[in-house]
Each structure stands twice: as C-alpha cells, then as structure tokens.
PDB file of N, CA and C in Angstrom:
ATOM      1  N   MET A   1      -1.791   2.997 -13.397  1.00  0.00           N
ATOM      2  CA  MET A   1      -3.440   4.338 -13.272  1.00  0.00           C
ATOM      3  C   MET A   1      -2.618   5.606 -14.226  1.00  0.00           C
ATOM      4  N   ASP A   2      -3.793   6.252 -14.206  1.00  0.00           N
ATOM      5  CA  ASP A   2      -2.869   7.622 -14.432  1.00  0.00           C
ATOM      6  C   ASP A   2      -2.404   8.426 -13.760  1.00  0.00           C
ATOM      7  N   GLU A   3      -3.093   8.420 -12.519  1.00  0.00           N
ATOM      8  CA  GLU A   3      -3.359   9.517 -11.561  1.00  0.00           C
ATOM      9  C   GLU A   3      -2.647   8.767 -10.291  1.00  0.00           C
ATOM     10  N   THR A   4      -2.066  10.149  -9.383  1.00  0.00           N
ATOM     11  CA  THR A   4      -2.403   9.317  -7.696  1.00  0.00           C
ATOM     12  C   THR A   4      -3.122   9.703  -7.015  1.00  0.00           C
ATOM     13  N   THR A   5      -3.603   8.462  -6.240  1.00  0.00           N
ATOM     14  CA  THR A   5      -4.209   8.637  -5.431  1.00  0.00           C
ATOM     15  C   THR A   5      -4.025   8.570  -3.990  1.00  0.00           C
ATOM     16  N   TYR A   6      -4.769   9.840  -2.922  1.00  0.00           N
ATOM     17  CA  TYR A   6      -3.867   9.932  -2.203  1.00  0.00           C
ATOM     18  C   TYR A   6      -4.854   9.524  -0.750  1.00  0.00           C
ATOM     19  N   LEU A   7      -5.023   8.725  -0.418  1.00  0.00           N
ATOM     20  CA  LEU A   7      -6.733   8.554   0.883  1.00  0.00           C
ATOM     21  C   LEU A   7      -6.452   9.026   2.026  1.00  0.00           C
ATOM     22  N   PRO A   8      -7.406   9.332   2.220  1.00  0.00           N
ATOM     23  CA  PRO A   8      -7.272   9.936   4.081  1.00  0.00           C
ATOM     24  C   PRO A   8      -6.505   8.154   4.639  1.00  0.00           C
ATOM     25  N   ASP A   9      -5.563   9.046   5.640  1.00  0.00           N
ATOM     26  CA  ASP A   9      -4.978   8.057   6.534  1.00  0.00           C
ATOM     27  C   ASP A   9      -5.401   7.033   7.113  1.00  0.00           C
ATOM     28  N   THR A  10      -6.380   7.248   7.680  1.00  0.00           N
ATOM     29  CA  THR A  10      -7.308   6.697   8.257  1.00  0.00           C
ATOM     30  C   THR A  10      -8.066   5.020   6.828  1.00  0.00           C
ATOM     31  N   GLU A  11      -8.591   5.623   6.000  1.00  0.00           N
ATOM     32  CA  GLU A  11      -9.157   5.147   5.162  1.00  0.00           C
ATOM     33  C   GLU A  11      -8.399   4.242   4.438  1.00  0.00           C
ATOM     34  N   TYR A  12      -6.590   4.485   4.296  1.00  0.00           N
ATOM     35  CA  TYR A  12      -5.334   3.606   3.291  1.00  0.00           C
ATOM     36  C   TYR A  12      -5.546   3.090   4.664  1.00  0.00           C
ATOM     37  N   HIS A  13      -4.846   3.517   5.914  1.00  0.00           N
ATOM     38  CA  HIS A  13      -5.081   1.949   6.211  1.00  0.00           C
ATOM     39  C   HIS A  13      -5.495   1.122   6.923  1.00  0.00           C
ATOM     40  N   ALA A  14      -7.190   1.271   7.099  1.00  0.00           N
ATOM     41  CA  ALA A  14      -8.213   0.452   6.839  1.00  0.00           C
ATOM     42  C   ALA A  14      -8.287  -0.750   6.048  1.00  0.00           C
ATOM     43  N   LEU A  15      -8.007  -0.215   4.452  1.00  0.00           N
ATOM     44  CA  LEU A  15      -7.762  -0.763   2.859  1.00  0.00           C
ATOM     45  C   LEU A  15      -6.430  -1.835   3.452  1.00  0.00           C
ATOM     46  N   VAL A  16      -5.056  -1.370   3.781  1.00  0.00           N
ATOM     47  CA  VAL A  16      -4.130  -2.144   3.937  1.00  0.00           C
ATOM     48  C   VAL A  16      -4.666  -3.819   5.331  1.00  0.00           C
ATOM     49  N   ARG A  17      -5.037  -3.052   6.124  1.00  0.00           N
ATOM     50  CA  ARG A  17      -5.535  -3.876   6.911  1.00  0.00           C
ATOM     51  C   ARG A  17      -6.743  -4.750   6.235  1.00  0.00           C
ATOM     52  N   THR A  18      -7.367  -4.671   5.952  1.00  0.00           N
ATOM     53  CA  THR A  18      -8.368  -5.123   4.757  1.00  0.00           C
ATOM     54  C   THR A  18      -7.884  -6.302   3.940  1.00  0.00           C
ATOM     55  N   LEU A  19      -7.035  -5.719   3.573  1.00  0.00           N
ATOM     56  CA  LEU A  19      -5.967  -6.446   2.111  1.00  0.00           C
ATOM     57  C   LEU A  19      -5.082  -7.414   2.635  1.00  0.00           C
ATOM     58  N   LEU A  20      -4.560  -7.038   3.796  1.00  0.00           N
ATOM     59  CA  LEU A  20      -3.735  -8.564   4.496  1.00  0.00           C
ATOM     60  C   LEU A  20      -4.114  -9.313   4.607  1.00  0.00           C
ATOM     61  N   ARG A  21      -5.903  -9.241   5.173  1.00  0.00           N
ATOM     62  CA  ARG A  21      -6.501 -10.085   5.618  1.00  0.00           C
ATOM     63  C   ARG A  21      -6.821 -11.827   4.067  1.00  0.00           C
ATOM     64  N   PHE A  22      -6.878 -10.994   2.900  1.00  0.00           N
ATOM     65  CA  PHE A  22      -6.805 -12.192   1.746  1.00  0.00           C
ATOM     66  C   PHE A  22      -5.016 -11.910   1.225  1.00  0.00           C
ATOM     67  N   ALA A  23      -4.140 -11.783   1.968  1.00  0.00           N
ATOM     68  CA  ALA A  23      -3.257 -11.852   1.465  1.00  0.00           C
ATOM     69  C   ALA A  23      -2.874 -12.866   0.403  1.00  0.00           C
ATOM     70  N   PRO A  24      -3.273 -13.991   1.471  1.00  0.00           N
ATOM     71  CA  PRO A  24      -3.107 -15.878   0.450  1.00  0.00           C
ATOM     72  C   PRO A  24      -3.696 -15.652  -0.339  1.00  0.00           C
ATOM     73  N   LEU A  25      -4.234 -13.960  -0.978  1.00  0.00           N
ATOM     74  CA  LEU A  25      -4.958 -14.582  -2.446  1.00  0.00           C
ATOM     75  C   LEU A  25      -4.857 -13.517  -3.248  1.00  0.00           C
ATOM     76  N   LEU A  26      -3.969 -12.771  -3.092  1.00  0.00           N
ATOM     77  CA  LEU A  26      -2.913 -11.862  -4.030  1.00  0.00           C
ATOM     78  C   LEU A  26      -1.285 -11.587  -4.520  1.00  0.00           C
ATOM     79  N   ASN A  27      -1.378 -11.800  -5.472  1.00  0.00           N
ATOM     80  CA  ASN A  27       0.123 -11.946  -6.271  1.00  0.00           C
ATOM     81  C   ASN A  27       1.037 -10.977  -5.418  1.00  0.00           C
ATOM     82  N   ILE A  28       1.175 -10.999  -4.763  1.00  0.00           N
ATOM     83  CA  ILE A  28       2.479 -10.400  -3.616  1.00  0.00           C
ATOM     84  C   ILE A  28       3.398 -11.368  -3.528  1.00  0.00           C
ATOM     85  N   GLU A  29       4.561 -10.587  -3.776  1.00  0.00           N
ATOM     86  CA  GLU A  29       6.045 -11.751  -3.139  1.00  0.00           C
ATOM     87  C   GLU A  29       5.612 -11.388  -1.638  1.00  0.00           C
ATOM     88  N   PRO A  30       6.480 -12.800  -0.872  1.00  0.00           N
ATOM     89  CA  PRO A  30       6.343 -12.402   0.673  1.00  0.00           C
ATOM     90  C   PRO A  30       7.960 -11.622   0.513  1.00  0.00           C
ATOM     91  N   SER A  31       8.034 -11.031   1.954  1.00  0.00           N
ATOM     92  CA  SER A  31       9.050 -10.171   2.660  1.00  0.00           C
ATOM     93  C   SER A  31      10.469 -11.548   2.117  1.00  0.00           C
ATOM     94  N   ALA A  32      11.061 -10.905   2.208  1.00  0.00           N
ATOM     95  CA  ALA A  32      12.579 -11.467   2.288  1.00  0.00           C
ATOM     96  C   ALA A  32      12.870 -11.712   3.639  1.00  0.00           C
ATOM     97  N   TRP A  33      12.155 -11.045   4.340  1.00  0.00           N
ATOM     98  CA  TRP A  33      12.560 -10.941   6.192  1.00  0.00           C
ATOM     99  C   TRP A  33      11.909 -11.691   6.463  1.00  0.00           C
ATOM    100  N   THR A  34      10.303 -11.771   6.445  1.00  0.00           N
ATOM    101  CA  THR A  34       9.692 -12.771   7.443  1.00  0.00           C
ATOM    102  C   THR A  34       8.725 -13.938   6.483  1.00  0.00           C
ATOM    103  N   GLY A  35       9.017 -14.214   5.579  1.00  0.00           N
ATOM    104  CA  GLY A  35       9.216 -15.030   4.453  1.00  0.00           C
ATOM    105  C   GLY A  35       7.226 -15.031   4.497  1.00  0.00           C
ATOM    106  N   THR A  36       6.363 -13.867   4.889  1.00  0.00           N
ATOM    107  CA  THR A  36       4.665 -13.185   4.848  1.00  0.00           C
ATOM    108  C   THR A  36       4.829 -12.365   4.137  1.00  0.00           C
ATOM    109  N   ILE A  37       3.333 -12.178   3.433  1.00  0.00           N
ATOM    110  CA  ILE A  37       3.287 -10.629   3.549  1.00  0.00           C
ATOM    111  C   ILE A  37       2.568  -9.917   4.405  1.00  0.00           C
ATOM    112  N   THR A  38       3.275  -8.954   5.221  1.00  0.00           N
ATOM    113  CA  THR A  38       3.117  -8.366   5.560  1.00  0.00           C
ATOM    114  C   THR A  38       2.699  -6.497   5.148  1.00  0.00           C
ATOM    115  N   GLU A  39       1.622  -5.341   6.357  1.00  0.00           N
ATOM    116  CA  GLU A  39       1.569  -4.768   5.471  1.00  0.00           C
ATOM    117  C   GLU A  39       2.430  -3.949   5.255  1.00  0.00           C
ATOM    118  N   ASP A  40       3.915  -3.749   5.131  1.00  0.00           N
ATOM    119  CA  ASP A  40       4.903  -2.698   4.067  1.00  0.00           C
ATOM    120  C   ASP A  40       4.867  -3.812   2.758  1.00  0.00           C
ATOM    121  N   GLU A  41       4.388  -5.240   2.903  1.00  0.00           N
ATOM    122  CA  GLU A  41       4.492  -5.589   1.582  1.00  0.00           C
ATOM    123  C   GLU A  41       2.838  -5.391   0.396  1.00  0.00           C
ATOM    124  N   ILE A  42       2.165  -4.881   1.623  1.00  0.00           N
ATOM    125  CA  ILE A  42       0.391  -4.494   1.004  1.00  0.00           C
ATOM    126  C   ILE A  42       0.736  -2.834   0.398  1.00  0.00           C
ATOM    127  N   LYS A  43       1.617  -2.465   1.267  1.00  0.00           N
ATOM    128  CA  LYS A  43       1.655  -0.781   0.790  1.00  0.00           C
ATOM    129  C   LYS A  43       2.663  -0.620  -0.419  1.00  0.00           C
ATOM    130  N   LEU A  44       3.450  -1.429  -0.445  1.00  0.00           N
ATOM    131  CA  LEU A  44       4.440  -1.235  -1.485  1.00  0.00           C
ATOM    132  C   LEU A  44       3.269  -1.586  -2.914  1.00  0.00           C
ATOM    133  N   ALA A  45       2.917  -3.191  -2.922  1.00  0.00           N
ATOM    134  CA  ALA A  45       1.846  -3.149  -3.921  1.00  0.00           C
ATOM    135  C   ALA A  45       0.871  -2.098  -4.315  1.00  0.00           C
ATOM    136  N   LEU A  46       0.559  -1.211  -3.189  1.00  0.00           N
ATOM    137  CA  LEU A  46      -0.685  -0.145  -3.250  1.00  0.00           C
ATOM    138  C   LEU A  46       0.503   1.335  -3.829  1.00  0.00           C
ATOM    139  N   GLY A  47       1.536   1.386  -4.002  1.00  0.00           N
ATOM    140  CA  GLY A  47       2.157   2.378  -4.427  1.00  0.00           C
ATOM    141  C   GLY A  47       2.071   2.470  -5.689  1.00  0.00           C
ATOM    142  N   GLU A  48       3.524   1.000  -5.398  1.00  0.00           N
ATOM    143  CA  GLU A  48       3.691   0.831  -6.891  1.00  0.00           C
ATOM    144  C   GLU A  48       2.418   0.352  -8.270  1.00  0.00           C
ATOM    145  N   GLN A  49       1.648  -0.163  -8.008  1.00  0.00           N
ATOM    146  CA  GLN A  49       1.006  -1.146  -8.919  1.00  0.00           C
ATOM    147  C   GLN A  49      -0.228  -0.488  -9.059  1.00  0.00           C
ATOM    148  N   PHE A  50      -0.368   0.293  -8.288  1.00  0.00           N
ATOM    149  CA  PHE A  50      -1.967   1.113  -7.966  1.00  0.00           C
ATOM    150  C   PHE A  50      -1.482   2.469  -7.753  1.00  0.00           C
ATOM    151  N   ASP A  51      -0.411   3.318  -7.647  1.00  0.00           N
ATOM    152  CA  ASP A  51       0.013   4.649  -6.885  1.00  0.00           C
ATOM    153  C   ASP A  51      -1.468   5.027  -6.273  1.00  0.00           C
ATOM    154  N   ILE A  52      -1.348   4.420  -4.888  1.00  0.00           N
ATOM    155  CA  ILE A  52      -2.972   4.584  -3.718  1.00  0.00           C
ATOM    156  C   ILE A  52      -1.200   4.596  -2.770  1.00  0.00           C
ATOM    157  N   TRP A  53      -1.675   5.602  -2.647  1.00  0.00           N
ATOM    158  CA  TRP A  53      -0.805   6.594  -0.820  1.00  0.00           C
ATOM    159  C   TRP A  53      -2.142   6.590   0.197  1.00  0.00           C
ATOM    160  N   PRO A  54      -1.343   7.123   1.843  1.00  0.00           N
ATOM    161  CA  PRO A  54      -1.809   7.546   2.341  1.00  0.00           C
ATOM    162  C   PRO A  54      -1.311   9.200   2.271  1.00  0.00           C
ATOM    163  N   GLU A  55      -2.880  10.364   2.523  1.00  0.00           N
ATOM    164  CA  GLU A  55      -2.665  11.502   2.170  1.00  0.00           C
ATOM    165  C   GLU A  55      -1.367  12.286   2.891  1.00  0.00           C
ATOM    166  N   SER A  56      -0.982  11.780   4.060  1.00  0.00           N
ATOM    167  CA  SER A  56       0.545  12.089   4.902  1.00  0.00           C
ATOM    168  C   SER A  56       1.540  11.868   3.890  1.00  0.00           C
ATOM    169  N   ILE A  57       1.205  11.338   3.015  1.00  0.00           N
ATOM    170  CA  ILE A  57       3.018  11.619   2.520  1.00  0.00           C
ATOM    171  C   ILE A  57       2.449  12.238   1.214  1.00  0.00           C
ATOM    172  N   ARG A  58       1.288  13.199   0.799  1.00  0.00           N
ATOM    173  CA  ARG A  58       1.459  14.328  -0.388  1.00  0.00           C
ATOM    174  C   ARG A  58       2.574  14.987  -0.614  1.00  0.00           C
ATOM    175  N   GLU A  59       2.443  16.192   0.190  1.00  0.00           N
ATOM    176  CA  GLU A  59       3.507  17.122   0.713  1.00  0.00           C
ATOM    177  C   GLU A  59       4.472  16.571  -0.279  1.00  0.00           C
ATOM    178  N   MET A  60       5.402  15.576   0.469  1.00  0.00           N
ATOM    179  CA  MET A  60       6.250  14.814   0.548  1.00  0.00           C
ATOM    180  C   MET A  60       7.409  14.751  -1.255  1.00  0.00           C
ATOM    181  N   ALA A  61       6.112  13.588  -1.123  1.00  0.00           N
ATOM    182  CA  ALA A  61       5.521  13.744  -2.774  1.00  0.00           C
ATOM    183  C   ALA A  61       5.721  14.492  -3.563  1.00  0.00           C
ATOM    184  N   GLU A  62       4.971  15.492  -3.609  1.00  0.00           N
ATOM    185  CA  GLU A  62       4.495  16.692  -4.577  1.00  0.00           C
ATOM    186  C   GLU A  62       6.106  17.420  -4.362  1.00  0.00           C
ATOM    187  N   GLU A  63       6.602  17.457  -3.707  1.00  0.00           N
ATOM    188  CA  GLU A  63       8.258  17.857  -3.537  1.00  0.00           C
ATOM    189  C   GLU A  63       9.436  17.002  -4.585  1.00  0.00           C
ATOM    190  N   ASP A  64       8.747  16.067  -4.595  1.00  0.00           N
ATOM    191  CA  ASP A  64       9.790  15.206  -5.728  1.00  0.00           C
ATOM    192  C   ASP A  64       9.183  15.550  -6.780  1.00  0.00           C
TER     193      ASP A  64
END
C-alpha cells in the first residue's frame, strides 16, 4: 500500500474484532505463544501488510 491509513480507534478495533471472527480463513501466522490467531496477529497483519493503524498511534508514528 502506498499510503498509511489511520482509522478512528473505535473503527479500528471493530475491524480487528470482525477479522478475528474470520481468522481461520485468513492467511495469518498463529501466535507462537497460544498457537491461535489472536487480536495481536490481526493487528500486526493490518499494519505490516496493509499499513492500517489506529488513530491513537499517529502522533507517535509520525515522530519516527
């Protein structure tokens, strides 16, 4: 993706919860600790693969 997308936190967390419901259909590596796909794996995939982040981290991300 060419551009970073920041979603309002409530929308971002709703997206994560929705995607978690479909976790078995997603090509995401399960957690090394739990052996399952958790919200953390969904968040990592959204950020690393699609450059989608919650608005609450924008300021911190733009400082880097």
